[in-house]
Structure formats: C-alpha cells, structure tokens
Protein backbone atom coordinates (compact mmCIF):
# COMPACT_ATOMS: atom_id res chain seq x y z
CA MET A 1 69.29 53.16 66.88
CA LYS A 2 69.80 56.32 69.14
CA LYS A 3 71.90 58.03 66.36
CA VAL A 4 69.21 57.25 63.79
CA LEU A 5 66.52 58.60 66.03
CA PHE A 6 68.54 61.66 66.90
CA PHE A 7 69.40 62.47 63.15
CA PHE A 8 65.77 61.89 62.23
CA SER A 9 64.64 64.28 64.89
CA ILE A 10 67.13 66.97 63.71
CA LEU A 11 65.86 66.53 60.23
CA MET A 12 62.43 66.90 60.97
CA MET A 13 63.14 70.11 63.12
CA ALA A 14 65.03 71.51 60.30
CA SER A 15 62.24 70.79 57.96
CA VAL A 16 59.59 72.43 60.25
CA ILE A 17 61.63 75.49 60.66
CA SER A 18 62.12 75.93 57.02
CA PHE A 19 58.59 75.92 56.38
CA ALA A 20 57.60 78.10 59.15
CA GLN A 21 55.67 81.16 57.97
CA VAL A 22 57.12 84.55 59.06
CA ARG A 23 54.59 86.52 60.74
CA ILE A 24 54.15 90.40 61.33
CA ASP A 25 52.97 91.64 64.69
CA ILE A 26 49.53 93.21 64.56
CA ASP A 27 50.98 96.32 66.35
CA VAL A 28 52.83 96.96 63.08
CA ILE A 29 49.76 96.68 60.99
CA VAL A 30 47.83 99.13 62.92
CA GLY A 31 50.57 101.47 63.19
CA ASN A 32 51.48 101.18 67.02
CA ARG A 33 55.12 100.45 66.10
CA PRO A 34 57.46 100.76 63.10
CA PRO A 35 58.33 97.45 61.28
CA ALA A 36 61.54 95.61 61.75
CA PRO A 37 63.73 95.46 58.54
CA ASN A 38 62.46 91.81 57.86
CA GLU A 39 58.87 92.81 58.44
CA ARG A 40 59.33 95.89 55.96
CA GLN A 41 60.61 93.41 53.47
CA LEU A 42 57.52 91.18 53.70
CA MET A 43 55.24 94.10 53.70
CA ARG A 44 56.68 95.47 50.53
CA ALA A 45 56.44 92.05 48.88
CA GLU A 46 52.78 91.84 49.62
CA GLU A 47 52.23 95.35 48.35
CA ALA A 48 53.85 94.39 45.06
CA LYS A 49 51.66 91.33 44.66
CA HIS A 50 48.59 93.49 45.32
CA PRO A 51 49.15 96.95 43.66
CA ASN A 52 45.42 97.95 43.69
CA ILE A 53 45.00 97.53 47.62
CA ALA A 54 48.51 99.21 47.91
CA LYS A 55 47.09 102.24 45.78
CA ALA A 56 44.05 102.41 47.71
CA MET A 57 46.10 102.75 51.05
CA HIS A 58 48.26 105.50 49.61
CA ASP A 59 45.18 107.43 48.29
CA ILE A 60 43.68 107.10 51.93
CA GLU A 61 46.98 108.44 53.30
CA ASN A 62 46.82 111.42 51.11
CA SER A 63 43.19 112.05 51.83
CA MET A 64 43.85 111.82 55.68
CA LYS A 65 46.90 114.50 55.21
CA ALA A 66 44.57 116.73 53.01
CA LEU A 67 41.69 116.61 55.54
CA HIS A 68 43.90 117.16 58.44
CA ASP A 69 45.36 120.24 56.80
CA ALA A 70 41.83 121.64 56.07
CA PRO A 71 41.33 124.86 57.89
CA ASP A 72 37.90 124.31 59.39
CA ASP A 73 36.34 121.59 61.58
CA PHE A 74 33.07 121.55 59.53
CA GLY A 75 30.79 121.19 62.60
CA GLY A 76 32.71 118.21 64.13
CA LYS A 77 32.34 116.27 60.86
CA LYS A 78 35.97 116.60 60.04
CA ALA A 79 37.16 114.46 63.22
CA GLN A 80 34.49 111.77 62.29
CA ALA A 81 35.78 111.71 58.67
CA GLU A 82 39.46 111.47 59.94
CA ALA A 83 38.40 108.52 62.27
CA ASP A 84 36.62 106.81 59.41
CA LEU A 85 39.65 107.16 57.19
CA LYS A 86 42.03 105.84 59.76
CA GLN A 87 39.63 102.87 60.36
CA ALA A 88 39.40 102.27 56.59
CA TYR A 89 43.30 102.43 56.28
CA ILE A 90 43.74 99.99 59.11
CA SER A 91 41.14 97.66 57.45
CA LEU A 92 42.92 97.77 54.09
CA ARG A 93 46.26 97.04 55.95
CA LYS A 94 44.68 93.98 57.69
CA ALA A 95 43.42 92.83 54.26
CA LEU A 96 46.84 93.17 52.48
CA TYR A 97 48.87 91.63 55.28
CA PHE A 98 46.34 88.95 56.28
CA ARG A 99 48.72 86.20 55.25
CA LEU A 100 51.53 87.76 57.39
CA TYR A 101 49.79 87.80 60.66
CA GLN A 102 47.14 85.83 62.63
CA ASP A 103 44.13 87.83 63.64
CA THR A 104 43.21 87.10 67.23
CA HIS A 105 40.82 89.94 67.34
C-alpha cells in the first residue's frame, strides 16, 4: 500500500509540475533587469501572437528615441512627454505579457 501511495504522489507531483505556468518577473517587464534566455523566448512568443501590440511598443521606442534626441526642452514639456511615453510603453508591456506574470501591484 505504501508503494502505491508513493507512486501516486510522485505521479501527481509530476503532473502538477508539467502544467505549471512559467512566469516572468515584473522587473523584466518594467525594464529593471534584462530577461533570462527562457524569459526572452516566452516574451518573443507572446509578441508573435500579438503583432499589433508589439508594433505599438516598437513605435513608442522609436518615439522615445526621437524625442530624446530633439535639441530643445520645449519649456519642460519634453520631459513630461518622455515620462508619458515610458509609462505607455510599460503599460503595453504589462498588457502583452499579462499571462506571463502575476500583477501584484
């Protein structure tokens, strides 16, 4: 009986582990640390599933670079626009990778 119970518990543990969803840390999503190779692979898969969101993220990246390279500060509005673009970028990343992390904030 002990052997059957032991075998059953091993089988249950293996099935739970095989169905466990891989998570991406929120620090990766907000840009505080680079993704590990397995996280990068999961992120690319999500980008492939949602090309419109991925394109919007790339467009915002290009906009942030162009705005940063602009010569003037536009009366302080440039800094506000940069902050707004960064927040929009993070929001899109949270939306795109929603299934890959648990939002505890």
